[in-house]
Each structure stands twice: as C-alpha cells, then as structure tokens.
Amino acid sequence: MDIVQEFQKHANECRRMSRFTSDRESKAMWNRMAERWRVLMIKEKERVTERGERRAAIPTRLAHRSAKRSQAA
C-alpha cells in the first residue's frame, strides 16, 4: 500500500470513529484528525506529482544540452 492510500485509510477510520461516538468533544477530535490525514494525503499527492514532473523534464533538458554541444562542435 502506498503512503497516499495509507493516509486515506487513516482519514476514513477517523471519520468512522467520529460517526460512532456520541460525545461532542470526541466527535470534534476525530473530525480534526480526519482533516489532518486528508491534508497530509493532498500534500503527498502534490509532492509525488511535482517529483514526477521534474523527472519527466530532465530528459528534455539533457537532450537540449546535447543538441547545443553537437552544434558547437
């Protein structure tokens, strides 16, 4: 299981716990925890996407440099 799925699983568990508790303070605490897991999940998705975009851009930059070197020679 990847980390994004793990964060989603924890958020879902917290929401489920919130539904099963009758105490208002506990319900609020579980909802806050679910929101924190959700935010972590979003940040991790963004980080993975950004890293993937950077990796995809590297071959293009390298190819561009190689072409410039070939023309200069």
C-alpha atoms as a PDB file:
ATOM      1  CA  MET A   1       0.000   0.000   0.000  1.00  0.00           C
ATOM      2  CA  ASP A   2       1.451   3.375  -0.902  1.00  0.00           C
ATOM      3  CA  ILE A   3       1.590   6.286   1.529  1.00  0.00           C
ATOM      4  CA  VAL A   4      -1.294   8.192  -0.093  1.00  0.00           C
ATOM      5  CA  GLN A   5      -3.585   5.192   0.337  1.00  0.00           C
ATOM      6  CA  GLU A   6      -2.355   4.802   3.911  1.00  0.00           C
ATOM      7  CA  PHE A   7      -3.240   8.438   4.707  1.00  0.00           C
ATOM      8  CA  GLN A   8      -6.662   7.965   3.086  1.00  0.00           C
ATOM      9  CA  LYS A   9      -7.253   4.836   5.171  1.00  0.00           C
ATOM     10  CA  HIS A  10      -6.451   6.728   8.397  1.00  0.00           C
ATOM     11  CA  ALA A  11      -8.723   9.630   7.423  1.00  0.00           C
ATOM     12  CA  ASN A  12     -11.561   7.198   6.725  1.00  0.00           C
ATOM     13  CA  GLU A  13     -11.016   5.443  10.061  1.00  0.00           C
ATOM     14  CA  CYS A  14     -11.166   8.768  11.906  1.00  0.00           C
ATOM     15  CA  ARG A  15     -14.406   9.724  10.142  1.00  0.00           C
ATOM     16  CA  ARG A  16     -15.867   6.337  11.051  1.00  0.00           C
ATOM     17  CA  MET A  17     -14.875   6.787  14.701  1.00  0.00           C
ATOM     18  CA  SER A  18     -16.477  10.230  14.651  1.00  0.00           C
ATOM     19  CA  ARG A  19     -19.761   8.735  13.466  1.00  0.00           C
ATOM     20  CA  PHE A  20     -19.764   6.113  16.240  1.00  0.00           C
ATOM     21  CA  THR A  21     -19.086   8.418  19.175  1.00  0.00           C
ATOM     22  CA  SER A  22     -21.819  10.378  20.881  1.00  0.00           C
ATOM     23  CA  ASP A  23     -19.529  12.712  22.829  1.00  0.00           C
ATOM     24  CA  ARG A  24     -19.268  16.100  21.075  1.00  0.00           C
ATOM     25  CA  GLU A  25     -15.642  16.679  22.081  1.00  0.00           C
ATOM     26  CA  SER A  26     -14.586  13.247  20.888  1.00  0.00           C
ATOM     27  CA  LYS A  27     -16.506  13.711  17.648  1.00  0.00           C
ATOM     28  CA  ALA A  28     -14.729  17.045  17.057  1.00  0.00           C
ATOM     29  CA  MET A  29     -11.353  15.486  17.838  1.00  0.00           C
ATOM     30  CA  TRP A  30     -11.917  12.611  15.388  1.00  0.00           C
ATOM     31  CA  ASN A  31     -13.032  15.063  12.691  1.00  0.00           C
ATOM     32  CA  ARG A  32      -9.903  17.194  13.244  1.00  0.00           C
ATOM     33  CA  MET A  33      -7.730  14.104  12.981  1.00  0.00           C
ATOM     34  CA  ALA A  34      -9.504  13.057   9.774  1.00  0.00           C
ATOM     35  CA  GLU A  35      -8.885  16.505   8.325  1.00  0.00           C
ATOM     36  CA  ARG A  36      -5.195  16.351   9.230  1.00  0.00           C
ATOM     37  CA  TRP A  37      -4.842  12.996   7.488  1.00  0.00           C
ATOM     38  CA  ARG A  38      -6.678  14.400   4.456  1.00  0.00           C
ATOM     39  CA  VAL A  39      -4.305  17.397   4.289  1.00  0.00           C
ATOM     40  CA  LEU A  40      -1.287  15.091   4.543  1.00  0.00           C
ATOM     41  CA  MET A  41      -2.711  12.976   1.741  1.00  0.00           C
ATOM     42  CA  ILE A  42      -3.172  16.024  -0.514  1.00  0.00           C
ATOM     43  CA  LYS A  43       0.340  17.301   0.210  1.00  0.00           C
ATOM     44  CA  GLU A  44       1.841  13.903  -0.540  1.00  0.00           C
ATOM     45  CA  LYS A  45      -0.082  13.676  -3.833  1.00  0.00           C
ATOM     46  CA  GLU A  46       1.241  17.119  -4.793  1.00  0.00           C
ATOM     47  CA  ARG A  47       4.792  16.158  -3.827  1.00  0.00           C
ATOM     48  CA  VAL A  48       4.669  12.948  -5.847  1.00  0.00           C
ATOM     49  CA  THR A  49       3.185  14.761  -8.852  1.00  0.00           C
ATOM     50  CA  GLU A  50       5.786  17.518  -8.664  1.00  0.00           C
ATOM     51  CA  ARG A  51       8.608  14.997  -8.402  1.00  0.00           C
ATOM     52  CA  GLY A  52       7.224  13.113 -11.403  1.00  0.00           C
ATOM     53  CA  GLU A  53       7.037  16.298 -13.458  1.00  0.00           C
ATOM     54  CA  ARG A  54      10.633  17.152 -12.588  1.00  0.00           C
ATOM     55  CA  ARG A  55      11.776  13.662 -13.582  1.00  0.00           C
ATOM     56  CA  ALA A  56       9.920  13.932 -16.881  1.00  0.00           C
ATOM     57  CA  ALA A  57      11.581  17.292 -17.598  1.00  0.00           C
ATOM     58  CA  ILE A  58      15.143  16.035 -17.021  1.00  0.00           C
ATOM     59  CA  PRO A  59      15.499  14.050 -20.272  1.00  0.00           C
ATOM     60  CA  THR A  60      14.207  17.032 -22.243  1.00  0.00           C
ATOM     61  CA  ARG A  61      16.790  19.354 -20.691  1.00  0.00           C
ATOM     62  CA  LEU A  62      19.565  16.834 -21.224  1.00  0.00           C
ATOM     63  CA  ALA A  63      18.585  16.327 -24.850  1.00  0.00           C
ATOM     64  CA  HIS A  64      18.567  20.095 -25.346  1.00  0.00           C
ATOM     65  CA  ARG A  65      22.078  20.422 -23.859  1.00  0.00           C
ATOM     66  CA  SER A  66      23.383  17.569 -26.022  1.00  0.00           C
ATOM     67  CA  ALA A  67      21.983  19.223 -29.131  1.00  0.00           C
ATOM     68  CA  LYS A  68      23.700  22.527 -28.248  1.00  0.00           C
ATOM     69  CA  ARG A  69      27.023  20.749 -27.684  1.00  0.00           C
ATOM     70  CA  SER A  70      26.730  18.976 -31.019  1.00  0.00           C
ATOM     71  CA  GLN A  71      26.093  22.256 -32.832  1.00  0.00           C
ATOM     72  CA  ALA A  72      29.025  23.968 -31.105  1.00  0.00           C
ATOM     73  CA  ALA A  73      31.480  21.241 -32.142  1.00  0.00           C
END
